[in-house]
Amino acid sequence: MSTSLVRKYNIAGPRYTSYPTVPYWDSTTFSVEKWKSSLLSSFKESNAREGVSLYIHLPFCESLCTFCGCNKRITKQHTVELPYIKAVLKEWHLYLELFDEKPVIKELHLGGGTPTFFSPENLKFLISEILNTSQLASDYEFSFEGHPNNTTREHLQALYDVGFRRVSYGVQDYNETVQKAIHRVQPFENVKRATQMARDIGYTSVGHDIIFGLPFQTLEHVKTTILKTKSLLPDRLAFYSYAHVPWIKGNGQRGFQDSDLPSADLKRTQYETGKQLLAKVGYEEIGMDHFALKTDTLYQSMENGKLHRNFMGYTASKTQAMIGLGVSSISDSWYGFAQNAKDIKSYYAALRANTLPVFRGHILNEEDLIVRQHILNLMCRFITTWDKNNLYFQELPDALIQLKEMETDGLIEINANTIVISEKGKPFVRNVCMAFDVLLKRKQPNTQLFSMTV
């Protein structure tokens, strides 16, 4: 990748797990009643046809990883488990009261925090209670994020027994210096053990998350991590740039100095080298920053045009409605977004009052829906199209003018009513999407809101 292109396009920009992005949600037109109405409409349209997705946020961790940008609560007191699970189930029942039929669950994902902070018994209780009040789609997929240091055989078996077949482990990097800097020390042997246990039990998809651009991380560190990963051959990989956003996450990302981070040029070299190594092993690039073997459902969904992107990242299938349960979780009805309270005290207080713990959101207007579809097309398929009657919006000509320079640089091809991102342009897909982001262009932030695109 050209160093000059990296320098030219390495700017702060969204990762586009949604559009509009969270900083541009309009609170003045949002209300919980409007959110419930949008979800109910979406549910009626799509539950029987494709089902719904559930994301459950389990925020507790025993220690703080300084690279992490997730909502988490650090504690070693496991007495917090059952009260939290009961609160999540209370929230679930508040949603059930909106519907006149049982939800058909297509996808369910446990994220964190550290889901395996919770005991196997409590996790099994949580999922069993949800299953007792819903139906399963014929091709459902349950997944969870596991910490290699504390995911036990009992965790894996308990979740397998209630339908989980996919697990992803946070690896980040195998170098001890890097691990100490990010406060995430986990030997290769722990990852190997956790990976093999999942496969022995019967999990059909094991994923690893690897990060480049971490403090003190060299090119050799990335190479070593990927070569060790090769020996385990996970079914899918997330290989993505560390998002340095300490102004948002506070002290959690101040365990090292900015000067300890690799330069933008080195980060791009880390990515390009890593991508080449992964290709040699047999991994196919999926959208942005994701890779999978051809036997994995993520690759198959890309091949058949069903790859989707939402607040959980890339998923193998789309559901119009996604319900987020737990503190800070975000729900998506396609027509609207709603985010839960970010602190546990407020979350519990809302549920005690028998109200959904939503504290902000956004109802999409017609322009939002059109731009959202363009960005989704670009992020999932690297192509988008329009005509006068379909996906055209008033500021599209301005977006095309803005993209001309990227076309000159060979990153995209602009035709009469189509944009195609070239192989050379794939690392800059976020930059292409930013040209469509009319809200970002209308109101440029006064302070940095997003991580760098490269």
Protein backbone atom coordinates (compact mmCIF):
# COMPACT_ATOMS: atom_id res chain seq x y z
CA MET A 1 0.00 0.00 0.00
CA SER A 2 1.35 3.41 -1.01
CA THR A 3 2.66 5.38 1.96
CA SER A 4 1.46 8.59 0.30
CA LEU A 5 -2.11 7.24 0.15
CA VAL A 6 -1.98 6.29 3.82
CA ARG A 7 -0.86 9.80 4.74
CA LYS A 8 -3.49 11.33 2.48
CA TYR A 9 -6.49 9.36 3.69
CA ASN A 10 -5.58 8.60 7.30
CA ILE A 11 -8.18 10.81 8.95
CA ALA A 12 -10.62 10.37 11.82
CA GLY A 13 -13.76 8.58 10.67
CA PRO A 14 -16.59 6.26 11.79
CA ARG A 15 -16.44 2.47 11.57
CA TYR A 16 -20.05 2.52 10.31
CA THR A 17 -21.62 -0.21 12.38
CA SER A 18 -24.65 2.06 11.98
CA TYR A 19 -25.88 5.05 10.05
CA PRO A 20 -26.48 7.63 11.34
CA THR A 21 -23.49 7.17 13.62
CA VAL A 22 -24.21 7.58 17.33
CA PRO A 23 -22.81 11.15 17.66
CA TYR A 24 -25.30 12.28 15.00
CA TRP A 25 -28.44 10.78 16.48
CA ASP A 26 -31.22 13.36 16.80
CA SER A 27 -32.52 13.30 20.37
CA THR A 28 -35.02 16.08 19.63
CA THR A 29 -37.18 13.79 17.47
CA PHE A 30 -36.70 10.64 19.56
CA SER A 31 -38.86 9.21 22.30
CA VAL A 32 -39.15 5.76 23.84
CA GLU A 33 -42.71 5.53 22.52
CA LYS A 34 -41.53 6.23 18.97
CA TRP A 35 -38.81 3.61 19.44
CA LYS A 36 -41.33 1.00 20.60
CA SER A 37 -43.61 1.83 17.67
CA SER A 38 -40.75 1.44 15.15
CA LEU A 39 -39.69 -1.88 16.68
CA LEU A 40 -43.25 -3.18 16.69
CA SER A 41 -43.67 -2.28 13.00
CA SER A 42 -40.41 -3.99 12.16
CA PHE A 43 -41.30 -7.05 14.21
CA LYS A 44 -44.65 -7.44 12.44
CA GLU A 45 -42.96 -7.13 9.05
CA SER A 46 -40.08 -9.50 9.64
CA ASN A 47 -40.47 -11.87 12.59
CA ALA A 48 -42.15 -14.68 10.67
CA ARG A 49 -39.97 -14.15 7.60
CA GLU A 50 -36.48 -13.84 9.08
CA GLY A 51 -36.74 -13.68 12.86
CA VAL A 52 -34.92 -11.30 15.19
CA SER A 53 -31.39 -10.97 16.53
CA LEU A 54 -30.53 -10.62 20.21
CA TYR A 55 -27.41 -9.00 21.59
CA ILE A 56 -26.87 -9.36 25.34
CA HIS A 57 -24.22 -7.20 26.97
CA LEU A 58 -22.52 -8.74 30.01
CA PRO A 59 -20.30 -5.92 31.26
CA PHE A 60 -18.28 -7.39 34.12
CA CYS A 61 -14.52 -8.03 33.99
CA GLU A 62 -12.13 -8.98 36.77
CA SER A 63 -9.39 -6.70 35.41
CA LEU A 64 -9.11 -3.77 33.01
CA CYS A 65 -7.59 -4.27 29.54
CA THR A 66 -6.21 -0.88 28.51
CA PHE A 67 -6.85 -1.40 24.77
CA CYS A 68 -10.57 -1.99 25.28
CA GLY A 69 -13.19 0.50 24.11
CA CYS A 70 -16.21 -1.48 25.37
CA ASN A 71 -18.57 -0.63 28.19
CA LYS A 72 -17.34 -2.60 31.19
CA ARG A 73 -17.40 -2.70 34.97
CA ILE A 74 -14.36 -4.02 36.84
CA THR A 75 -15.06 -6.20 39.87
CA LYS A 76 -14.03 -9.48 41.44
CA GLN A 77 -17.35 -9.80 43.28
CA HIS A 78 -19.33 -12.51 41.51
CA THR A 79 -22.38 -11.80 43.61
CA VAL A 80 -23.25 -9.27 40.88
CA GLU A 81 -24.06 -12.07 38.42
CA LEU A 82 -27.56 -13.18 39.35
CA PRO A 83 -29.05 -9.70 40.00
CA TYR A 84 -27.78 -8.59 36.59
CA ILE A 85 -29.18 -11.65 34.81
CA LYS A 86 -32.56 -11.12 36.45
CA ALA A 87 -32.52 -7.50 35.30
CA VAL A 88 -31.76 -8.56 31.71
CA LEU A 89 -34.63 -11.03 31.84
CA LYS A 90 -36.92 -8.29 33.17
CA GLU A 91 -35.95 -6.13 30.19
CA TRP A 92 -36.60 -9.05 27.83
CA HIS A 93 -40.10 -9.49 29.28
CA LEU A 94 -40.84 -5.78 28.78
CA TYR A 95 -40.11 -6.29 25.09
CA LEU A 96 -42.20 -9.46 24.98
CA GLU A 97 -45.19 -7.44 26.20
CA LEU A 98 -45.01 -5.39 22.96
CA PHE A 99 -45.41 -8.40 20.68
CA ASP A 100 -48.51 -10.45 19.92
CA GLU A 101 -46.52 -13.56 19.03
CA LYS A 102 -43.35 -15.28 20.19
CA PRO A 103 -40.13 -13.86 18.72
CA VAL A 104 -38.31 -16.18 16.34
CA ILE A 105 -34.65 -15.94 17.29
CA LYS A 106 -32.28 -16.08 14.33
CA GLU A 107 -29.11 -14.84 16.03
CA LEU A 108 -28.04 -14.46 19.63
CA HIS A 109 -24.70 -13.08 20.74
CA LEU A 110 -23.20 -12.62 24.20
CA GLY A 111 -20.73 -9.75 24.33
CA GLY A 112 -18.94 -7.82 27.03
CA GLY A 113 -17.15 -7.09 29.17
CA THR A 114 -16.29 -10.73 29.71
CA PRO A 115 -19.26 -13.08 29.27
CA THR A 116 -17.23 -15.90 30.83
CA PHE A 117 -16.99 -13.81 34.01
CA PHE A 118 -20.41 -15.37 34.67
CA SER A 119 -20.64 -18.93 35.91
CA PRO A 120 -21.68 -21.66 33.45
CA GLU A 121 -24.83 -22.23 35.53
CA ASN A 122 -25.88 -18.58 35.39
CA LEU A 123 -25.23 -18.32 31.65
CA LYS A 124 -27.27 -21.45 31.02
CA PHE A 125 -30.09 -20.08 33.20
CA LEU A 126 -30.13 -16.79 31.24
CA ILE A 127 -30.34 -18.45 27.83
CA SER A 128 -32.82 -21.11 28.94
CA GLU A 129 -35.22 -18.46 30.23
CA ILE A 130 -35.04 -16.61 26.89
CA LEU A 131 -35.60 -19.83 24.94
CA ASN A 132 -38.63 -20.67 27.06
CA THR A 133 -40.35 -17.50 25.80
CA SER A 134 -39.37 -17.65 22.12
CA GLN A 135 -39.01 -19.88 19.08
CA LEU A 136 -35.87 -20.72 17.14
CA ALA A 137 -35.35 -20.15 13.44
CA SER A 138 -34.39 -23.28 11.55
CA ASP A 139 -30.93 -21.84 10.81
CA TYR A 140 -30.30 -20.02 14.10
CA GLU A 141 -26.79 -19.11 15.22
CA PHE A 142 -25.69 -18.50 18.81
CA SER A 143 -22.24 -17.11 19.58
CA PHE A 144 -20.30 -15.65 22.47
CA GLU A 145 -17.05 -13.86 23.22
CA GLY A 146 -14.73 -15.92 25.38
CA HIS A 147 -11.65 -14.90 27.35
CA PRO A 148 -8.98 -17.58 26.77
CA ASN A 149 -7.76 -17.28 30.37
CA ASN A 150 -11.08 -18.03 32.03
CA THR A 151 -13.23 -19.89 29.50
CA THR A 152 -13.57 -23.34 30.98
CA ARG A 153 -14.80 -26.60 29.53
CA GLU A 154 -17.84 -26.16 31.76
CA HIS A 155 -18.57 -22.76 30.14
CA LEU A 156 -18.30 -24.20 26.66
CA GLN A 157 -20.41 -27.27 27.46
CA ALA A 158 -23.15 -25.31 29.23
CA LEU A 159 -23.54 -22.91 26.31
CA TYR A 160 -23.29 -25.74 23.77
CA ASP A 161 -26.16 -27.47 25.57
CA VAL A 162 -28.43 -24.45 24.93
CA GLY A 163 -27.53 -24.06 21.25
CA PHE A 164 -24.20 -22.21 20.96
CA ARG A 165 -21.97 -23.36 18.13
CA ARG A 166 -19.68 -20.36 17.63
CA VAL A 167 -17.17 -18.75 19.98
CA SER A 168 -14.64 -15.96 19.42
CA TYR A 169 -11.55 -15.46 21.56
CA GLY A 170 -9.74 -12.18 22.05
CA VAL A 171 -6.08 -12.83 21.23
CA GLN A 172 -4.84 -9.31 20.32
CA ASP A 173 -1.09 -10.17 20.21
CA TYR A 174 1.14 -12.92 21.60
CA ASN A 175 4.13 -10.72 22.49
CA GLU A 176 4.55 -10.40 26.25
CA THR A 177 5.67 -6.74 26.13
CA VAL A 178 2.57 -5.79 24.17
CA GLN A 179 0.35 -7.90 26.43
CA LYS A 180 1.70 -6.20 29.55
CA ALA A 181 1.15 -2.74 28.01
CA ILE A 182 -2.52 -3.51 27.33
CA HIS A 183 -2.94 -5.43 30.60
CA ARG A 184 -4.02 -8.60 28.80
CA VAL A 185 -1.43 -11.30 29.54
CA GLN A 186 -2.51 -14.63 28.09
CA PRO A 187 0.00 -17.23 26.88
CA PHE A 188 -0.45 -18.99 23.55
CA GLU A 189 -1.06 -22.21 25.46
CA ASN A 190 -4.24 -20.74 26.99
CA VAL A 191 -5.61 -19.80 23.57
CA LYS A 192 -4.67 -23.21 22.19
CA ARG A 193 -6.41 -24.98 25.07
CA ALA A 194 -9.58 -22.88 24.77
CA THR A 195 -9.68 -23.40 20.98
CA GLN A 196 -9.22 -27.15 21.21
CA MET A 197 -11.80 -27.51 24.00
CA ALA A 198 -14.42 -25.78 21.84
CA ARG A 199 -13.72 -28.07 18.93
CA ASP A 200 -13.70 -31.19 21.11
CA ILE A 201 -17.16 -30.28 22.42
CA GLY A 202 -18.53 -29.69 18.91
CA TYR A 203 -18.36 -25.96 18.16
CA THR A 204 -18.40 -25.53 14.39
CA SER A 205 -16.88 -22.04 14.24
CA VAL A 206 -14.04 -20.75 16.41
CA GLY A 207 -12.87 -17.17 15.84
CA HIS A 208 -9.84 -15.20 17.01
CA ASP A 209 -9.54 -11.42 17.30
CA ILE A 210 -6.12 -9.95 16.45
CA ILE A 211 -5.27 -6.25 16.69
CA PHE A 212 -2.54 -4.27 14.96
CA GLY A 213 -1.35 -0.82 15.98
CA LEU A 214 -1.02 -1.71 19.67
CA PRO A 215 1.56 -0.03 21.94
CA PHE A 216 5.12 -1.33 21.46
CA GLN A 217 3.90 -3.64 18.68
CA THR A 218 6.40 -4.23 15.87
CA LEU A 219 5.97 -5.81 12.46
CA GLU A 220 7.65 -8.96 13.76
CA HIS A 221 5.13 -9.17 16.58
CA VAL A 222 2.26 -9.20 14.08
CA LYS A 223 4.01 -11.84 11.94
CA THR A 224 4.62 -14.05 14.97
CA THR A 225 1.03 -13.75 16.14
CA ILE A 226 -0.34 -14.74 12.75
CA LEU A 227 2.09 -17.65 12.37
CA LYS A 228 1.01 -18.95 15.78
CA THR A 229 -2.61 -18.44 14.76
CA LYS A 230 -1.92 -20.54 11.66
CA SER A 231 -1.14 -23.54 13.84
CA LEU A 232 -4.64 -23.34 15.38
CA LEU A 233 -6.44 -22.39 12.13
CA PRO A 234 -9.52 -20.64 13.58
CA ASP A 235 -12.50 -20.62 11.23
CA ARG A 236 -12.70 -16.83 11.14
CA LEU A 237 -10.56 -13.88 12.19
CA ALA A 238 -11.06 -10.25 13.02
CA PHE A 239 -7.80 -8.47 12.18
CA TYR A 240 -8.35 -4.82 12.87
CA SER A 241 -6.72 -1.58 13.87
CA TYR A 242 -6.53 -0.58 17.51
CA ALA A 243 -8.97 2.30 17.98
CA HIS A 244 -7.14 4.85 20.12
CA VAL A 245 -9.93 6.98 21.60
CA PRO A 246 -8.76 7.91 25.12
CA TRP A 247 -10.81 11.12 25.02
CA ILE A 248 -13.91 8.90 25.06
CA LYS A 249 -12.77 6.02 27.23
CA GLY A 250 -10.86 7.98 29.86
CA ASN A 251 -8.14 6.31 31.91
CA GLY A 252 -8.89 2.92 30.39
CA GLN A 253 -6.76 3.81 27.40
CA ARG A 254 -4.09 5.82 29.23
CA GLY A 255 -1.97 2.91 30.43
CA PHE A 256 0.71 3.94 27.93
CA GLN A 257 1.90 7.02 26.09
CA ASP A 258 0.78 8.06 22.61
CA SER A 259 4.46 7.87 21.60
CA ASP A 260 4.39 4.12 22.36
CA LEU A 261 1.97 3.52 19.49
CA PRO A 262 3.16 2.51 15.99
CA SER A 263 3.14 5.21 13.32
CA ALA A 264 0.40 5.26 10.68
CA ASP A 265 2.90 3.95 8.11
CA LEU A 266 3.90 1.05 10.35
CA LYS A 267 0.28 0.25 11.11
CA ARG A 268 -0.50 -0.01 7.41
CA THR A 269 2.55 -2.22 6.88
CA GLN A 270 1.39 -4.40 9.76
CA TYR A 271 -2.02 -4.72 8.12
CA GLU A 272 -0.77 -5.39 4.61
CA THR A 273 1.79 -7.95 5.79
CA GLY A 274 -0.77 -9.63 8.02
CA LYS A 275 -3.29 -9.77 5.21
CA GLN A 276 -0.75 -11.39 2.88
CA LEU A 277 0.14 -14.00 5.49
CA LEU A 278 -3.53 -14.78 6.10
CA ALA A 279 -4.13 -15.19 2.35
CA LYS A 280 -1.28 -17.71 2.14
CA VAL A 281 -2.90 -19.73 4.92
CA GLY A 282 -6.22 -19.80 3.04
CA TYR A 283 -8.22 -17.00 4.63
CA GLU A 284 -10.52 -14.92 2.44
CA GLU A 285 -11.01 -11.22 3.19
CA ILE A 286 -14.57 -10.43 4.30
CA GLY A 287 -15.68 -6.81 4.10
CA MET A 288 -13.42 -4.66 6.26
CA ASP A 289 -10.93 -6.20 8.73
CA HIS A 290 -12.51 -9.66 8.74
CA PHE A 291 -11.23 -12.95 7.31
CA ALA A 292 -12.66 -16.47 7.13
CA LEU A 293 -11.95 -19.91 5.76
CA LYS A 294 -14.15 -20.94 2.85
CA THR A 295 -15.88 -23.47 5.08
CA ASP A 296 -17.16 -20.77 7.46
CA THR A 297 -20.64 -19.27 7.20
CA LEU A 298 -19.21 -15.73 7.09
CA TYR A 299 -17.42 -16.47 3.81
CA GLN A 300 -20.45 -18.26 2.43
CA SER A 301 -22.69 -15.31 3.25
CA MET A 302 -20.32 -12.97 1.40
CA GLU A 303 -20.38 -15.26 -1.62
CA ASN A 304 -24.18 -15.40 -1.77
CA GLY A 305 -24.64 -11.68 -1.14
CA LYS A 306 -26.13 -12.00 2.37
CA LEU A 307 -23.30 -10.48 4.41
CA HIS A 308 -24.66 -7.92 6.85
CA ARG A 309 -23.18 -5.35 9.24
CA ASN A 310 -24.66 -4.02 12.46
CA PHE A 311 -23.58 -3.08 15.98
CA MET A 312 -22.16 -6.59 16.40
CA GLY A 313 -19.91 -6.09 13.35
CA TYR A 314 -20.22 -8.38 10.33
CA THR A 315 -22.83 -11.12 10.55
CA ALA A 316 -23.64 -14.02 8.26
CA SER A 317 -27.28 -13.04 7.86
CA LYS A 318 -29.57 -10.05 8.24
CA THR A 319 -32.51 -9.57 10.52
CA GLN A 320 -34.48 -6.37 10.27
CA ALA A 321 -34.95 -6.22 14.03
CA MET A 322 -32.12 -6.52 16.54
CA ILE A 323 -32.87 -6.21 20.25
CA GLY A 324 -30.05 -5.24 22.57
CA LEU A 325 -30.40 -6.30 26.20
CA GLY A 326 -28.25 -5.17 29.10
CA VAL A 327 -26.44 -2.00 30.10
CA SER A 328 -25.31 0.19 27.14
CA SER A 329 -26.73 -2.23 24.52
CA ILE A 330 -28.04 -0.76 21.28
CA SER A 331 -31.16 -2.01 19.54
CA ASP A 332 -32.00 -1.55 15.86
CA SER A 333 -35.42 -1.78 14.22
CA TRP A 334 -33.99 -0.62 10.86
CA TYR A 335 -36.25 2.41 11.22
CA GLY A 336 -34.78 3.46 14.55
CA PHE A 337 -32.00 2.94 17.10
CA ALA A 338 -32.23 2.88 20.90
CA GLN A 339 -29.39 2.69 23.41
CA ASN A 340 -29.74 1.56 26.99
CA ALA A 341 -28.41 3.44 30.00
CA LYS A 342 -24.64 3.17 30.21
CA ASP A 343 -24.37 2.78 33.98
CA ILE A 344 -25.80 -0.13 35.91
CA LYS A 345 -27.46 2.00 38.59
CA SER A 346 -29.60 3.83 36.00
CA TYR A 347 -30.26 0.58 34.14
CA TYR A 348 -31.60 -1.09 37.29
CA ALA A 349 -33.64 1.98 38.27
CA ALA A 350 -35.52 2.03 34.95
CA LEU A 351 -36.36 -1.65 35.21
CA ARG A 352 -37.61 -1.29 38.78
CA ALA A 353 -39.98 1.33 37.36
CA ASN A 354 -41.14 -1.19 34.72
CA THR A 355 -39.81 0.97 31.89
CA LEU A 356 -37.36 0.14 29.13
CA PRO A 357 -33.90 1.40 30.20
CA VAL A 358 -33.42 3.43 26.99
CA PHE A 359 -31.66 6.76 27.44
CA ARG A 360 -31.15 7.92 23.86
CA GLY A 361 -31.87 6.96 20.29
CA HIS A 362 -32.70 8.07 16.77
CA ILE A 363 -35.65 7.63 14.43
CA LEU A 364 -34.48 7.45 10.82
CA ASN A 365 -36.02 9.72 8.20
CA GLU A 366 -36.23 8.93 4.47
CA GLU A 367 -32.79 10.37 3.72
CA ASP A 368 -31.25 8.43 6.61
CA LEU A 369 -32.66 5.17 5.26
CA ILE A 370 -31.26 5.80 1.77
CA VAL A 371 -27.80 6.77 2.97
CA ARG A 372 -27.80 3.86 5.40
CA GLN A 373 -28.38 1.42 2.54
CA HIS A 374 -25.55 2.91 0.47
CA ILE A 375 -23.12 2.63 3.38
CA LEU A 376 -24.25 -0.93 4.11
CA ASN A 377 -23.74 -1.84 0.44
CA LEU A 378 -20.22 -0.39 0.44
CA MET A 379 -19.21 -1.95 3.74
CA CYS A 380 -20.53 -5.43 2.83
CA ARG A 381 -20.15 -5.65 -0.94
CA PHE A 382 -17.80 -2.79 -1.95
CA ILE A 383 -20.36 -1.61 -4.49
CA THR A 384 -23.51 0.51 -4.46
CA THR A 385 -25.96 1.61 -7.15
CA TRP A 386 -28.80 4.09 -7.59
CA ASP A 387 -31.15 5.63 -10.13
CA LYS A 388 -33.67 8.46 -10.09
CA ASN A 389 -36.29 6.26 -8.45
CA ASN A 390 -34.16 4.17 -6.15
CA LEU A 391 -31.55 5.19 -3.53
CA TYR A 392 -31.10 8.67 -4.99
CA PHE A 393 -30.76 11.52 -2.49
CA GLN A 394 -30.35 15.24 -2.93
CA GLU A 395 -26.67 15.45 -2.01
CA LEU A 396 -25.53 12.46 -4.07
CA PRO A 397 -23.97 14.67 -6.82
CA ASP A 398 -21.86 16.39 -4.15
CA ALA A 399 -20.72 13.01 -2.84
CA LEU A 400 -19.63 11.95 -6.33
CA ILE A 401 -17.64 15.16 -6.75
CA GLN A 402 -15.94 14.52 -3.42
CA LEU A 403 -15.06 10.99 -4.55
CA LYS A 404 -13.41 12.07 -7.81
CA GLU A 405 -10.00 12.30 -6.20
CA MET A 406 -10.30 8.77 -4.86
CA GLU A 407 -11.16 7.66 -8.39
CA THR A 408 -8.04 9.42 -9.69
CA ASP A 409 -6.02 7.56 -7.06
CA GLY A 410 -7.40 4.25 -8.33
CA LEU A 411 -9.36 3.46 -5.16
CA ILE A 412 -12.84 3.45 -6.73
CA GLU A 413 -14.57 3.38 -10.11
CA ILE A 414 -17.48 5.74 -10.67
CA ASN A 415 -19.98 4.86 -13.42
CA ALA A 416 -23.30 6.43 -14.41
CA ASN A 417 -25.14 5.06 -11.40
CA THR A 418 -22.63 2.79 -9.65
CA ILE A 419 -19.57 3.05 -7.43
CA VAL A 420 -17.22 0.08 -7.15
CA ILE A 421 -14.37 0.01 -4.63
CA SER A 422 -11.23 -1.50 -6.15
CA GLU A 423 -8.95 -4.02 -4.46
CA LYS A 424 -6.53 -1.15 -3.88
CA GLY A 425 -9.31 0.88 -2.31
CA LYS A 426 -10.68 -1.71 0.15
CA PRO A 427 -8.50 -0.50 3.07
CA PHE A 428 -10.08 2.94 2.56
CA VAL A 429 -13.73 1.83 2.53
CA ARG A 430 -14.47 4.01 5.57
CA ASN A 431 -13.26 7.05 3.61
CA VAL A 432 -15.59 6.19 0.73
CA CYS A 433 -18.53 5.88 3.10
CA MET A 434 -17.72 9.27 4.60
CA ALA A 435 -18.47 10.89 1.24
CA PHE A 436 -22.06 9.61 1.60
CA ASP A 437 -22.33 10.69 5.22
CA VAL A 438 -24.35 13.86 4.77
CA LEU A 439 -24.74 14.43 8.52
CA LEU A 440 -20.98 14.37 9.05
CA LYS A 441 -20.49 16.84 6.19
CA ARG A 442 -23.20 19.20 7.42
CA LYS A 443 -21.76 19.38 10.90
CA GLN A 444 -18.07 18.64 11.18
CA PRO A 445 -17.19 17.86 14.83
CA ASN A 446 -15.23 20.45 16.78
CA THR A 447 -13.38 17.71 18.66
CA GLN A 448 -12.20 14.28 17.56
CA LEU A 449 -15.06 11.79 17.85
CA PHE A 450 -13.71 8.82 15.89
CA SER A 451 -10.58 6.72 15.56
CA MET A 452 -8.29 7.08 12.53
CA THR A 453 -9.39 5.28 9.37
CA VAL A 454 -5.96 3.70 8.77
